[in-house]
Amino acid sequence: MRFLALVLPIVLLLPGHCHASAEEALPLPSVTIDEVKEPAVELTKAERIDKLFETLTTSKDERAAKEAERSILRLWLESDSDTVDLLMNWALGATQEQRYPRALDFLDRVIVMKPDYAEGWNKRATVHFLMEDYSRSLADIGQVLALEPRHFGALSGFGMIMRALGEDEQAMIAYREALAVDPYLDNVQEALDELEAKDIGESL
């Protein structure tokens, strides 16, 4: 934290009046401590995300945590490029319409234009998953996590693929990692509970 140092002005005496009275001294400005404020510092996008993750992992208020989660998702979606944002909107629309090859075409262009944009890889991983192309989905998830290791969507997606492939142990590991960064992923918690119950049942 930066602290502001308050410098008291020196009382200047008029020339030739070294023994001037207090009434003859120049008046001091009247400033209270409440009027001295730190200038507003705008956080970077990365700093805002860090603070939101802190809220997400430590808050006992579910509503506040869910709002932090939604804010993180909104910030992740921002590409800082009008062209990429437009392509992403087209890709999301095509995905909702289940026009997956068209969505992939848009997302391929997003990734070429902005390879450090984690959400481009994440959305393409989602489309590959919906097409049951798990190997390509896993490859894209790897890129997402390389750029943003806290991406709870990619972690939970990895768990879903592992579960679909019958790799329950790997699925549980992925689900636990997702919940470590976002404890409010209800569907992930339910999936983990099911797998843990199944594991206990098989060990009996």
N, C-alpha and C. Protein backbone atom coordinates (compact mmCIF):
# COMPACT_ATOMS: atom_id res chain seq x y z
N MET A 1 0.86 -1.19 0.00
CA MET A 1 0.00 0.00 0.00
C MET A 1 0.89 1.23 0.00
N ARG A 2 0.50 2.21 -0.84
CA ARG A 2 1.27 3.45 -0.89
C ARG A 2 0.69 4.44 0.10
N PHE A 3 1.59 5.10 0.77
CA PHE A 3 1.14 6.09 1.73
C PHE A 3 1.52 7.47 1.20
N LEU A 4 0.62 8.43 1.40
CA LEU A 4 0.90 9.82 1.02
C LEU A 4 1.54 10.54 2.21
N ALA A 5 2.67 11.23 1.98
CA ALA A 5 3.32 12.00 3.05
C ALA A 5 2.74 13.41 3.04
N LEU A 6 2.30 13.84 4.21
CA LEU A 6 1.78 15.20 4.33
C LEU A 6 2.92 16.13 4.71
N VAL A 7 3.18 17.09 3.85
CA VAL A 7 4.28 18.04 4.11
C VAL A 7 3.67 19.34 4.60
N LEU A 8 4.01 19.73 5.81
CA LEU A 8 3.48 20.97 6.38
C LEU A 8 4.21 22.16 5.77
N PRO A 9 3.48 23.17 5.27
CA PRO A 9 4.15 24.36 4.68
C PRO A 9 4.87 25.16 5.76
N ILE A 10 6.01 25.72 5.36
CA ILE A 10 6.80 26.57 6.28
C ILE A 10 6.17 27.95 6.35
N VAL A 11 6.06 28.45 7.57
CA VAL A 11 5.51 29.81 7.74
C VAL A 11 6.56 30.82 7.29
N LEU A 12 6.19 31.56 6.26
CA LEU A 12 7.12 32.57 5.73
C LEU A 12 6.90 33.90 6.43
N LEU A 13 8.01 34.52 6.83
CA LEU A 13 7.94 35.83 7.47
C LEU A 13 8.27 36.90 6.45
N LEU A 14 7.65 38.03 6.58
CA LEU A 14 7.94 39.14 5.67
C LEU A 14 9.37 39.61 5.87
N PRO A 15 10.06 40.02 4.81
CA PRO A 15 11.44 40.48 4.94
C PRO A 15 11.56 41.64 5.92
N GLY A 16 12.62 41.55 6.74
CA GLY A 16 12.87 42.62 7.69
C GLY A 16 12.05 42.53 8.95
N HIS A 17 11.26 41.45 9.09
CA HIS A 17 10.42 41.32 10.28
C HIS A 17 10.65 39.94 10.87
N CYS A 18 11.88 39.67 11.28
CA CYS A 18 12.22 38.35 11.79
C CYS A 18 11.48 38.04 13.07
N HIS A 19 11.07 39.08 13.81
CA HIS A 19 10.37 38.87 15.07
C HIS A 19 8.91 39.25 14.92
N ALA A 20 8.36 39.04 13.74
CA ALA A 20 6.97 39.42 13.49
C ALA A 20 6.05 38.60 14.35
N SER A 21 4.92 39.14 14.66
CA SER A 21 3.93 38.43 15.46
C SER A 21 3.20 37.40 14.61
N ALA A 22 2.43 36.55 15.29
CA ALA A 22 1.69 35.50 14.58
C ALA A 22 0.70 36.10 13.61
N GLU A 23 0.15 37.29 13.98
CA GLU A 23 -0.84 37.92 13.11
C GLU A 23 -0.22 38.39 11.80
N GLU A 24 1.13 38.68 11.82
CA GLU A 24 1.79 39.19 10.62
C GLU A 24 2.27 38.06 9.71
N ALA A 25 2.24 36.83 10.18
CA ALA A 25 2.70 35.71 9.36
C ALA A 25 1.68 35.41 8.28
N LEU A 26 2.19 34.88 7.17
CA LEU A 26 1.28 34.47 6.10
C LEU A 26 0.38 33.36 6.61
N PRO A 27 -0.90 33.33 6.26
CA PRO A 27 -1.82 32.32 6.77
C PRO A 27 -1.53 30.94 6.18
N LEU A 28 -1.68 29.92 7.03
CA LEU A 28 -1.53 28.54 6.56
C LEU A 28 -2.81 28.08 5.90
N PRO A 29 -2.70 27.30 4.84
CA PRO A 29 -3.92 26.77 4.24
C PRO A 29 -4.60 25.80 5.19
N SER A 30 -5.91 25.84 5.20
CA SER A 30 -6.67 24.97 6.10
C SER A 30 -7.00 23.67 5.37
N VAL A 31 -6.28 22.59 5.70
CA VAL A 31 -6.48 21.29 5.07
C VAL A 31 -6.61 20.24 6.15
N THR A 32 -7.65 19.43 6.08
CA THR A 32 -7.81 18.34 7.03
C THR A 32 -7.36 17.04 6.39
N ILE A 33 -7.09 16.03 7.23
CA ILE A 33 -6.61 14.74 6.72
C ILE A 33 -7.64 14.08 5.83
N ASP A 34 -8.93 14.34 6.09
CA ASP A 34 -9.99 13.73 5.28
C ASP A 34 -10.00 14.24 3.86
N GLU A 35 -9.40 15.47 3.67
CA GLU A 35 -9.41 16.05 2.33
C GLU A 35 -8.26 15.55 1.48
N VAL A 36 -7.32 14.85 2.08
CA VAL A 36 -6.17 14.32 1.34
C VAL A 36 -6.47 12.87 0.99
N LYS A 37 -6.77 12.61 -0.24
CA LYS A 37 -7.17 11.28 -0.68
C LYS A 37 -6.20 10.74 -1.73
N GLU A 38 -6.02 9.44 -1.72
CA GLU A 38 -5.19 8.81 -2.75
C GLU A 38 -5.91 8.88 -4.08
N PRO A 39 -5.18 9.12 -5.16
CA PRO A 39 -5.83 9.13 -6.47
C PRO A 39 -6.35 7.73 -6.81
N ALA A 40 -7.48 7.70 -7.50
CA ALA A 40 -8.07 6.41 -7.87
C ALA A 40 -7.13 5.68 -8.83
N VAL A 41 -6.86 4.43 -8.53
CA VAL A 41 -5.98 3.61 -9.37
C VAL A 41 -6.84 2.58 -10.10
N GLU A 42 -6.82 2.63 -11.41
CA GLU A 42 -7.61 1.68 -12.20
C GLU A 42 -6.86 0.36 -12.31
N LEU A 43 -7.52 -0.71 -11.94
CA LEU A 43 -6.89 -2.03 -11.99
C LEU A 43 -6.83 -2.54 -13.42
N THR A 44 -5.81 -3.31 -13.71
CA THR A 44 -5.74 -3.96 -15.01
C THR A 44 -6.75 -5.10 -15.05
N LYS A 45 -7.00 -5.61 -16.22
CA LYS A 45 -7.93 -6.73 -16.37
C LYS A 45 -7.46 -7.94 -15.56
N ALA A 46 -6.17 -8.23 -15.60
CA ALA A 46 -5.63 -9.37 -14.85
C ALA A 46 -5.80 -9.17 -13.35
N GLU A 47 -5.60 -7.93 -12.88
CA GLU A 47 -5.76 -7.65 -11.45
C GLU A 47 -7.22 -7.78 -11.03
N ARG A 48 -8.12 -7.35 -11.90
CA ARG A 48 -9.55 -7.49 -11.59
C ARG A 48 -9.93 -8.97 -11.48
N ILE A 49 -9.41 -9.78 -12.39
CA ILE A 49 -9.70 -11.21 -12.35
C ILE A 49 -9.13 -11.84 -11.08
N ASP A 50 -7.92 -11.44 -10.70
CA ASP A 50 -7.31 -11.97 -9.47
C ASP A 50 -8.19 -11.67 -8.26
N LYS A 51 -8.69 -10.43 -8.17
CA LYS A 51 -9.53 -10.06 -7.04
C LYS A 51 -10.84 -10.83 -7.04
N LEU A 52 -11.40 -11.05 -8.22
CA LEU A 52 -12.64 -11.82 -8.33
C LEU A 52 -12.43 -13.27 -7.91
N PHE A 53 -11.28 -13.83 -8.26
CA PHE A 53 -10.98 -15.19 -7.83
C PHE A 53 -10.82 -15.26 -6.31
N GLU A 54 -10.26 -14.22 -5.73
CA GLU A 54 -10.14 -14.18 -4.28
C GLU A 54 -11.52 -14.21 -3.62
N THR A 55 -12.45 -13.44 -4.20
CA THR A 55 -13.82 -13.46 -3.70
C THR A 55 -14.45 -14.82 -3.90
N LEU A 56 -14.22 -15.40 -5.06
CA LEU A 56 -14.83 -16.69 -5.40
C LEU A 56 -14.39 -17.80 -4.46
N THR A 57 -13.13 -17.79 -4.08
CA THR A 57 -12.61 -18.89 -3.28
C THR A 57 -12.76 -18.67 -1.77
N THR A 58 -12.97 -17.42 -1.35
CA THR A 58 -13.02 -17.16 0.09
C THR A 58 -14.38 -16.73 0.61
N SER A 59 -15.25 -16.27 -0.28
CA SER A 59 -16.53 -15.75 0.18
C SER A 59 -17.44 -16.86 0.70
N LYS A 60 -18.11 -16.56 1.82
CA LYS A 60 -19.12 -17.47 2.37
C LYS A 60 -20.51 -17.10 1.88
N ASP A 61 -20.59 -16.02 1.14
CA ASP A 61 -21.85 -15.54 0.59
C ASP A 61 -22.00 -16.09 -0.83
N GLU A 62 -22.92 -17.03 -1.01
CA GLU A 62 -23.06 -17.67 -2.32
C GLU A 62 -23.43 -16.68 -3.40
N ARG A 63 -24.27 -15.71 -3.08
CA ARG A 63 -24.68 -14.73 -4.08
C ARG A 63 -23.48 -13.90 -4.55
N ALA A 64 -22.64 -13.48 -3.61
CA ALA A 64 -21.44 -12.70 -3.97
C ALA A 64 -20.47 -13.56 -4.79
N ALA A 65 -20.35 -14.82 -4.41
CA ALA A 65 -19.45 -15.72 -5.14
C ALA A 65 -19.95 -15.96 -6.56
N LYS A 66 -21.24 -16.15 -6.71
CA LYS A 66 -21.80 -16.38 -8.04
C LYS A 66 -21.64 -15.14 -8.93
N GLU A 67 -21.77 -13.97 -8.34
CA GLU A 67 -21.57 -12.74 -9.10
C GLU A 67 -20.11 -12.62 -9.53
N ALA A 68 -19.19 -13.01 -8.64
CA ALA A 68 -17.77 -13.01 -9.00
C ALA A 68 -17.51 -13.98 -10.15
N GLU A 69 -18.15 -15.14 -10.09
CA GLU A 69 -17.99 -16.14 -11.15
C GLU A 69 -18.47 -15.59 -12.49
N ARG A 70 -19.65 -14.95 -12.49
CA ARG A 70 -20.17 -14.37 -13.73
C ARG A 70 -19.26 -13.26 -14.26
N SER A 71 -18.71 -12.46 -13.35
CA SER A 71 -17.80 -11.39 -13.77
C SER A 71 -16.53 -11.95 -14.39
N ILE A 72 -16.01 -13.02 -13.82
CA ILE A 72 -14.83 -13.67 -14.39
C ILE A 72 -15.12 -14.15 -15.81
N LEU A 73 -16.26 -14.79 -15.99
CA LEU A 73 -16.61 -15.30 -17.31
C LEU A 73 -16.74 -14.15 -18.32
N ARG A 74 -17.33 -13.03 -17.88
CA ARG A 74 -17.45 -11.88 -18.78
C ARG A 74 -16.08 -11.33 -19.17
N LEU A 75 -15.18 -11.23 -18.19
CA LEU A 75 -13.83 -10.71 -18.47
C LEU A 75 -13.05 -11.66 -19.37
N TRP A 76 -13.20 -12.96 -19.15
CA TRP A 76 -12.53 -13.93 -20.02
C TRP A 76 -13.00 -13.80 -21.46
N LEU A 77 -14.28 -13.48 -21.63
CA LEU A 77 -14.83 -13.40 -22.98
C LEU A 77 -14.33 -12.17 -23.73
N GLU A 78 -13.92 -11.13 -22.99
CA GLU A 78 -13.42 -9.92 -23.64
C GLU A 78 -12.07 -10.19 -24.31
N SER A 79 -11.99 -9.91 -25.59
CA SER A 79 -10.75 -10.19 -26.33
C SER A 79 -9.91 -8.94 -26.57
N ASP A 80 -10.49 -7.76 -26.32
CA ASP A 80 -9.82 -6.49 -26.61
C ASP A 80 -9.59 -6.29 -28.10
N SER A 81 -10.41 -6.96 -28.90
CA SER A 81 -10.36 -6.79 -30.36
C SER A 81 -11.79 -6.83 -30.88
N ASP A 82 -12.20 -5.77 -31.57
CA ASP A 82 -13.56 -5.73 -32.10
C ASP A 82 -13.81 -6.86 -33.10
N THR A 83 -12.81 -7.15 -33.91
CA THR A 83 -12.97 -8.21 -34.92
C THR A 83 -13.13 -9.57 -34.26
N VAL A 84 -12.27 -9.85 -33.28
CA VAL A 84 -12.35 -11.13 -32.58
C VAL A 84 -13.67 -11.24 -31.82
N ASP A 85 -14.10 -10.15 -31.20
CA ASP A 85 -15.38 -10.17 -30.48
C ASP A 85 -16.53 -10.50 -31.44
N LEU A 86 -16.49 -9.94 -32.62
CA LEU A 86 -17.54 -10.21 -33.61
C LEU A 86 -17.53 -11.67 -34.03
N LEU A 87 -16.33 -12.20 -34.31
CA LEU A 87 -16.22 -13.61 -34.68
C LEU A 87 -16.70 -14.53 -33.55
N MET A 88 -16.38 -14.15 -32.32
CA MET A 88 -16.83 -14.94 -31.17
C MET A 88 -18.34 -14.94 -31.07
N ASN A 89 -18.97 -13.80 -31.28
CA ASN A 89 -20.43 -13.73 -31.23
C ASN A 89 -21.05 -14.61 -32.30
N TRP A 90 -20.46 -14.59 -33.50
CA TRP A 90 -20.96 -15.47 -34.57
C TRP A 90 -20.78 -16.94 -34.20
N ALA A 91 -19.63 -17.26 -33.60
CA ALA A 91 -19.36 -18.63 -33.20
C ALA A 91 -20.34 -19.11 -32.13
N LEU A 92 -20.62 -18.24 -31.16
CA LEU A 92 -21.55 -18.61 -30.09
C LEU A 92 -22.95 -18.81 -30.64
N GLY A 93 -23.34 -17.95 -31.58
CA GLY A 93 -24.65 -18.11 -32.20
C GLY A 93 -24.75 -19.40 -32.99
N ALA A 94 -23.70 -19.72 -33.74
CA ALA A 94 -23.71 -20.96 -34.52
C ALA A 94 -23.73 -22.18 -33.60
N THR A 95 -23.04 -22.09 -32.47
CA THR A 95 -23.03 -23.21 -31.51
C THR A 95 -24.42 -23.43 -30.94
N GLN A 96 -25.10 -22.34 -30.57
CA GLN A 96 -26.45 -22.46 -30.03
C GLN A 96 -27.40 -23.07 -31.05
N GLU A 97 -27.15 -22.79 -32.33
CA GLU A 97 -27.99 -23.34 -33.39
C GLU A 97 -27.54 -24.73 -33.82
N GLN A 98 -26.52 -25.26 -33.12
CA GLN A 98 -25.95 -26.58 -33.40
C GLN A 98 -25.37 -26.67 -34.82
N ARG A 99 -24.90 -25.55 -35.32
CA ARG A 99 -24.20 -25.50 -36.61
C ARG A 99 -22.71 -25.55 -36.30
N TYR A 100 -22.26 -26.71 -35.85
CA TYR A 100 -20.92 -26.85 -35.30
C TYR A 100 -19.80 -26.61 -36.30
N PRO A 101 -19.88 -27.11 -37.55
CA PRO A 101 -18.80 -26.82 -38.50
C PRO A 101 -18.63 -25.32 -38.74
N ARG A 102 -19.76 -24.60 -38.79
CA ARG A 102 -19.69 -23.14 -38.98
C ARG A 102 -19.05 -22.48 -37.76
N ALA A 103 -19.43 -22.95 -36.58
CA ALA A 103 -18.83 -22.40 -35.35
C ALA A 103 -17.33 -22.63 -35.33
N LEU A 104 -16.91 -23.82 -35.76
CA LEU A 104 -15.48 -24.12 -35.79
C LEU A 104 -14.74 -23.21 -36.77
N ASP A 105 -15.38 -22.89 -37.87
CA ASP A 105 -14.75 -22.01 -38.86
C ASP A 105 -14.46 -20.64 -38.24
N PHE A 106 -15.42 -20.10 -37.51
CA PHE A 106 -15.22 -18.82 -36.85
C PHE A 106 -14.14 -18.92 -35.77
N LEU A 107 -14.20 -19.99 -34.98
CA LEU A 107 -13.25 -20.15 -33.88
C LEU A 107 -11.83 -20.39 -34.37
N ASP A 108 -11.69 -21.09 -35.49
CA ASP A 108 -10.36 -21.27 -36.08
C ASP A 108 -9.75 -19.91 -36.40
N ARG A 109 -10.56 -19.00 -36.94
CA ARG A 109 -10.07 -17.67 -37.28
C ARG A 109 -9.74 -16.86 -36.03
N VAL A 110 -10.55 -17.04 -35.00
CA VAL A 110 -10.27 -16.36 -33.72
C VAL A 110 -8.90 -16.76 -33.19
N ILE A 111 -8.62 -18.05 -33.22
CA ILE A 111 -7.36 -18.56 -32.66
C ILE A 111 -6.16 -18.12 -33.50
N VAL A 112 -6.34 -18.07 -34.81
CA VAL A 112 -5.25 -17.59 -35.68
C VAL A 112 -4.96 -16.11 -35.40
N MET A 113 -6.02 -15.33 -35.23
CA MET A 113 -5.87 -13.90 -35.01
C MET A 113 -5.33 -13.58 -33.61
N LYS A 114 -5.74 -14.40 -32.62
CA LYS A 114 -5.36 -14.08 -31.24
C LYS A 114 -5.08 -15.38 -30.48
N PRO A 115 -3.92 -15.98 -30.72
CA PRO A 115 -3.61 -17.28 -30.10
C PRO A 115 -3.44 -17.24 -28.58
N ASP A 116 -3.26 -16.05 -28.01
CA ASP A 116 -3.12 -15.94 -26.55
C ASP A 116 -4.46 -15.66 -25.86
N TYR A 117 -5.53 -15.78 -26.61
CA TYR A 117 -6.88 -15.54 -26.10
C TYR A 117 -7.46 -16.88 -25.66
N ALA A 118 -7.43 -17.15 -24.36
CA ALA A 118 -7.80 -18.47 -23.84
C ALA A 118 -9.22 -18.86 -24.18
N GLU A 119 -10.12 -17.88 -24.22
CA GLU A 119 -11.52 -18.23 -24.44
C GLU A 119 -11.78 -18.72 -25.86
N GLY A 120 -10.95 -18.31 -26.81
CA GLY A 120 -11.09 -18.86 -28.16
C GLY A 120 -10.85 -20.36 -28.15
N TRP A 121 -9.78 -20.78 -27.48
CA TRP A 121 -9.48 -22.20 -27.36
C TRP A 121 -10.58 -22.92 -26.58
N ASN A 122 -11.08 -22.27 -25.53
CA ASN A 122 -12.09 -22.91 -24.69
C ASN A 122 -13.39 -23.16 -25.46
N LYS A 123 -13.83 -22.16 -26.21
CA LYS A 123 -15.07 -22.33 -26.97
C LYS A 123 -14.89 -23.38 -28.07
N ARG A 124 -13.71 -23.43 -28.65
CA ARG A 124 -13.50 -24.47 -29.67
C ARG A 124 -13.47 -25.85 -29.03
N ALA A 125 -12.88 -25.96 -27.83
CA ALA A 125 -12.90 -27.22 -27.09
C ALA A 125 -14.33 -27.67 -26.82
N THR A 126 -15.19 -26.70 -26.49
CA THR A 126 -16.60 -27.01 -26.22
C THR A 126 -17.29 -27.56 -27.46
N VAL A 127 -17.04 -26.92 -28.60
CA VAL A 127 -17.66 -27.40 -29.85
C VAL A 127 -17.17 -28.80 -30.19
N HIS A 128 -15.87 -29.03 -30.06
CA HIS A 128 -15.34 -30.38 -30.31
C HIS A 128 -15.99 -31.40 -29.37
N PHE A 129 -16.19 -31.01 -28.11
CA PHE A 129 -16.84 -31.91 -27.15
C PHE A 129 -18.27 -32.22 -27.59
N LEU A 130 -19.00 -31.20 -28.02
CA LEU A 130 -20.37 -31.41 -28.47
C LEU A 130 -20.44 -32.31 -29.69
N MET A 131 -19.37 -32.31 -30.49
CA MET A 131 -19.29 -33.17 -31.66
C MET A 131 -18.70 -34.54 -31.31
N GLU A 132 -18.42 -34.74 -30.00
CA GLU A 132 -17.82 -35.97 -29.48
C GLU A 132 -16.46 -36.26 -30.08
N ASP A 133 -15.77 -35.20 -30.45
CA ASP A 133 -14.39 -35.31 -30.92
C ASP A 133 -13.49 -35.02 -29.72
N TYR A 134 -13.35 -36.01 -28.85
CA TYR A 134 -12.71 -35.80 -27.56
C TYR A 134 -11.21 -35.50 -27.66
N SER A 135 -10.55 -36.10 -28.63
CA SER A 135 -9.11 -35.87 -28.73
C SER A 135 -8.81 -34.41 -29.07
N ARG A 136 -9.57 -33.83 -30.01
CA ARG A 136 -9.35 -32.41 -30.34
C ARG A 136 -9.80 -31.51 -29.18
N SER A 137 -10.87 -31.89 -28.51
CA SER A 137 -11.32 -31.11 -27.36
C SER A 137 -10.24 -31.08 -26.27
N LEU A 138 -9.64 -32.23 -26.00
CA LEU A 138 -8.59 -32.30 -24.98
C LEU A 138 -7.38 -31.47 -25.38
N ALA A 139 -7.05 -31.47 -26.66
CA ALA A 139 -5.91 -30.67 -27.12
C ALA A 139 -6.16 -29.18 -26.88
N ASP A 140 -7.39 -28.75 -27.17
CA ASP A 140 -7.72 -27.34 -26.95
C ASP A 140 -7.78 -27.01 -25.46
N ILE A 141 -8.29 -27.92 -24.65
CA ILE A 141 -8.31 -27.70 -23.20
C ILE A 141 -6.89 -27.52 -22.67
N GLY A 142 -5.95 -28.28 -23.21
CA GLY A 142 -4.56 -28.12 -22.81
C GLY A 142 -4.05 -26.71 -23.08
N GLN A 143 -4.45 -26.14 -24.22
CA GLN A 143 -4.05 -24.77 -24.55
C GLN A 143 -4.70 -23.77 -23.60
N VAL A 144 -5.97 -24.00 -23.27
CA VAL A 144 -6.66 -23.10 -22.33
C VAL A 144 -5.93 -23.06 -20.99
N LEU A 145 -5.62 -24.25 -20.46
CA LEU A 145 -5.01 -24.33 -19.13
C LEU A 145 -3.57 -23.83 -19.13
N ALA A 146 -2.92 -23.89 -20.27
CA ALA A 146 -1.57 -23.32 -20.37
C ALA A 146 -1.63 -21.80 -20.24
N LEU A 147 -2.71 -21.20 -20.78
CA LEU A 147 -2.89 -19.75 -20.73
C LEU A 147 -3.53 -19.29 -19.43
N GLU A 148 -4.46 -20.09 -18.89
CA GLU A 148 -5.17 -19.75 -17.65
C GLU A 148 -5.41 -21.01 -16.84
N PRO A 149 -4.47 -21.37 -15.96
CA PRO A 149 -4.59 -22.61 -15.18
C PRO A 149 -5.81 -22.66 -14.26
N ARG A 150 -6.40 -21.49 -13.98
CA ARG A 150 -7.56 -21.45 -13.10
C ARG A 150 -8.88 -21.57 -13.85
N HIS A 151 -8.83 -21.87 -15.12
CA HIS A 151 -10.06 -21.89 -15.93
C HIS A 151 -10.94 -23.07 -15.50
N PHE A 152 -11.90 -22.78 -14.62
CA PHE A 152 -12.73 -23.84 -14.06
C PHE A 152 -13.62 -24.49 -15.11
N GLY A 153 -13.95 -23.77 -16.17
CA GLY A 153 -14.72 -24.37 -17.25
C GLY A 153 -13.93 -25.44 -17.99
N ALA A 154 -12.67 -25.13 -18.27
CA ALA A 154 -11.81 -26.11 -18.95
C ALA A 154 -11.52 -27.31 -18.05
N LEU A 155 -11.30 -27.05 -16.77
CA LEU A 155 -11.03 -28.15 -15.83
C LEU A 155 -12.24 -29.08 -15.72
N SER A 156 -13.42 -28.50 -15.60
CA SER A 156 -14.62 -29.34 -15.51
C SER A 156 -14.88 -30.06 -16.83
N GLY A 157 -14.57 -29.39 -17.95
CA GLY A 157 -14.71 -30.04 -19.26
C GLY A 157 -13.78 -31.23 -19.40
N PHE A 158 -12.56 -31.06 -18.89
CA PHE A 158 -11.61 -32.19 -18.90
C PHE A 158 -12.18 -33.35 -18.09
N GLY A 159 -12.77 -33.04 -16.94
CA GLY A 159 -13.38 -34.09 -16.12
C GLY A 159 -14.52 -34.79 -16.84
N MET A 160 -15.33 -34.04 -17.57
CA MET A 160 -16.45 -34.63 -18.30
C MET A 160 -15.96 -35.59 -19.38
N ILE A 161 -14.90 -35.20 -20.07
CA ILE A 161 -14.36 -36.07 -21.11
C ILE A 161 -13.78 -37.34 -20.50
N MET A 162 -13.02 -37.19 -19.42
CA MET A 162 -12.45 -38.36 -18.75
C MET A 162 -13.55 -39.31 -18.27
N ARG A 163 -14.62 -38.74 -17.77
CA ARG A 163 -15.74 -39.58 -17.31
C ARG A 163 -16.38 -40.30 -18.50
N ALA A 164 -16.55 -39.59 -19.60
CA ALA A 164 -17.13 -40.20 -20.79
C ALA A 164 -16.27 -41.34 -21.33
N LEU A 165 -14.96 -41.21 -21.13
CA LEU A 165 -14.02 -42.24 -21.59
C LEU A 165 -13.82 -43.35 -20.57
N GLY A 166 -14.52 -43.25 -19.44
CA GLY A 166 -14.39 -44.28 -18.41
C GLY A 166 -13.19 -44.12 -17.51
N GLU A 167 -12.53 -42.98 -17.60
CA GLU A 167 -11.35 -42.71 -16.76
C GLU A 167 -11.81 -41.97 -15.51
N ASP A 168 -12.48 -42.68 -14.61
CA ASP A 168 -13.11 -42.05 -13.46
C ASP A 168 -12.10 -41.39 -12.51
N GLU A 169 -10.95 -42.00 -12.33
CA GLU A 169 -9.95 -41.43 -11.42
C GLU A 169 -9.46 -40.09 -11.93
N GLN A 170 -9.18 -40.01 -13.22
CA GLN A 170 -8.75 -38.74 -13.81
C GLN A 170 -9.87 -37.72 -13.78
N ALA A 171 -11.09 -38.18 -13.97
CA ALA A 171 -12.24 -37.27 -13.91
C ALA A 171 -12.38 -36.66 -12.52
N MET A 172 -12.21 -37.49 -11.48
CA MET A 172 -12.32 -36.98 -10.11
C MET A 172 -11.23 -35.96 -9.81
N ILE A 173 -10.02 -36.22 -10.31
CA ILE A 173 -8.93 -35.26 -10.09
C ILE A 173 -9.27 -33.92 -10.74
N ALA A 174 -9.77 -33.96 -11.96
CA ALA A 174 -10.12 -32.72 -12.67
C ALA A 174 -11.25 -31.98 -11.97
N TYR A 175 -12.25 -32.73 -11.52
CA TYR A 175 -13.38 -32.09 -10.82
C TYR A 175 -12.91 -31.43 -9.53
N ARG A 176 -12.03 -32.09 -8.80
CA ARG A 176 -11.53 -31.50 -7.55
C ARG A 176 -10.72 -30.22 -7.83
N GLU A 177 -9.95 -30.23 -8.90
CA GLU A 177 -9.17 -29.04 -9.25
C GLU A 177 -10.11 -27.89 -9.64
N ALA A 178 -11.18 -28.21 -10.36
CA ALA A 178 -12.15 -27.18 -10.74
C ALA A 178 -12.81 -26.58 -9.50
N LEU A 179 -13.18 -27.44 -8.55
CA LEU A 179 -13.83 -26.97 -7.33
C LEU A 179 -12.88 -26.21 -6.42
N ALA A 180 -11.59 -26.48 -6.54
CA ALA A 180 -10.61 -25.75 -5.74
C ALA A 180 -10.57 -24.27 -6.13
N VAL A 181 -10.81 -23.98 -7.39
CA VAL A 181 -10.80 -22.58 -7.84
C VAL A 181 -12.20 -21.98 -7.87
N ASP A 182 -13.22 -22.83 -7.95
CA ASP A 182 -14.61 -22.35 -7.90
C ASP A 182 -15.45 -23.35 -7.12
N PRO A 183 -15.57 -23.15 -5.82
CA PRO A 183 -16.31 -24.10 -4.98
C PRO A 183 -17.82 -24.11 -5.24
N TYR A 184 -18.30 -23.21 -6.11
CA TYR A 184 -19.74 -23.08 -6.32
C TYR A 184 -20.21 -23.70 -7.64
N LEU A 185 -19.42 -24.61 -8.18
CA LEU A 185 -19.82 -25.34 -9.39
C LEU A 185 -20.69 -26.53 -8.97
N ASP A 186 -21.98 -26.27 -8.85
CA ASP A 186 -22.88 -27.28 -8.30
C ASP A 186 -22.91 -28.56 -9.13
N ASN A 187 -22.96 -28.43 -10.45
CA ASN A 187 -23.01 -29.62 -11.31
C ASN A 187 -21.74 -30.45 -11.19
N VAL A 188 -20.61 -29.76 -11.04
CA VAL A 188 -19.33 -30.47 -10.89
C VAL A 188 -19.30 -31.20 -9.55
N GLN A 189 -19.80 -30.55 -8.51
CA GLN A 189 -19.83 -31.19 -7.19
C GLN A 189 -20.72 -32.44 -7.23
N GLU A 190 -21.85 -32.35 -7.91
CA GLU A 190 -22.73 -33.51 -8.02
C GLU A 190 -22.06 -34.64 -8.78
N ALA A 191 -21.37 -34.30 -9.87
CA ALA A 191 -20.67 -35.32 -10.66
C ALA A 191 -19.58 -35.97 -9.83
N LEU A 192 -18.85 -35.17 -9.07
CA LEU A 192 -17.79 -35.71 -8.21
C LEU A 192 -18.38 -36.62 -7.14
N ASP A 193 -19.48 -36.21 -6.53
CA ASP A 193 -20.12 -37.03 -5.51
C ASP A 193 -20.54 -38.39 -6.07
N GLU A 194 -21.06 -38.37 -7.29
CA GLU A 194 -21.48 -39.62 -7.93
C GLU A 194 -20.31 -40.56 -8.16
N LEU A 195 -19.21 -39.98 -8.66
CA LEU A 195 -18.03 -40.80 -8.92
C LEU A 195 -17.41 -41.33 -7.64
N GLU A 196 -17.39 -40.50 -6.61
CA GLU A 196 -16.83 -40.95 -5.32
C GLU A 196 -17.69 -42.05 -4.70
N ALA A 197 -19.02 -41.92 -4.83
CA ALA A 197 -19.92 -42.95 -4.32
C ALA A 197 -19.73 -44.24 -5.10
N LYS A 198 -19.55 -44.12 -6.41
CA LYS A 198 -19.32 -45.30 -7.24
C LYS A 198 -18.01 -45.98 -6.86
N ASP A 199 -16.99 -45.14 -6.61
CA ASP A 199 -15.67 -45.69 -6.23
C ASP A 199 -15.74 -46.42 -4.90
N ILE A 200 -16.47 -45.86 -3.96
CA ILE A 200 -16.63 -46.52 -2.65
C ILE A 200 -17.39 -47.83 -2.81
N GLY A 201 -18.45 -47.80 -3.63
CA GLY A 201 -19.23 -49.01 -3.84
C GLY A 201 -18.42 -50.13 -4.48
N GLU A 202 -17.56 -49.78 -5.40
CA GLU A 202 -16.74 -50.79 -6.07
C GLU A 202 -15.65 -51.35 -5.16
N SER A 203 -15.27 -50.55 -4.16
CA SER A 203 -14.20 -51.01 -3.27
C SER A 203 -14.72 -51.89 -2.14
N LEU A 204 -16.03 -51.94 -1.98
CA LEU A 204 -16.62 -52.77 -0.91
C LEU A 204 -16.64 -54.24 -1.29
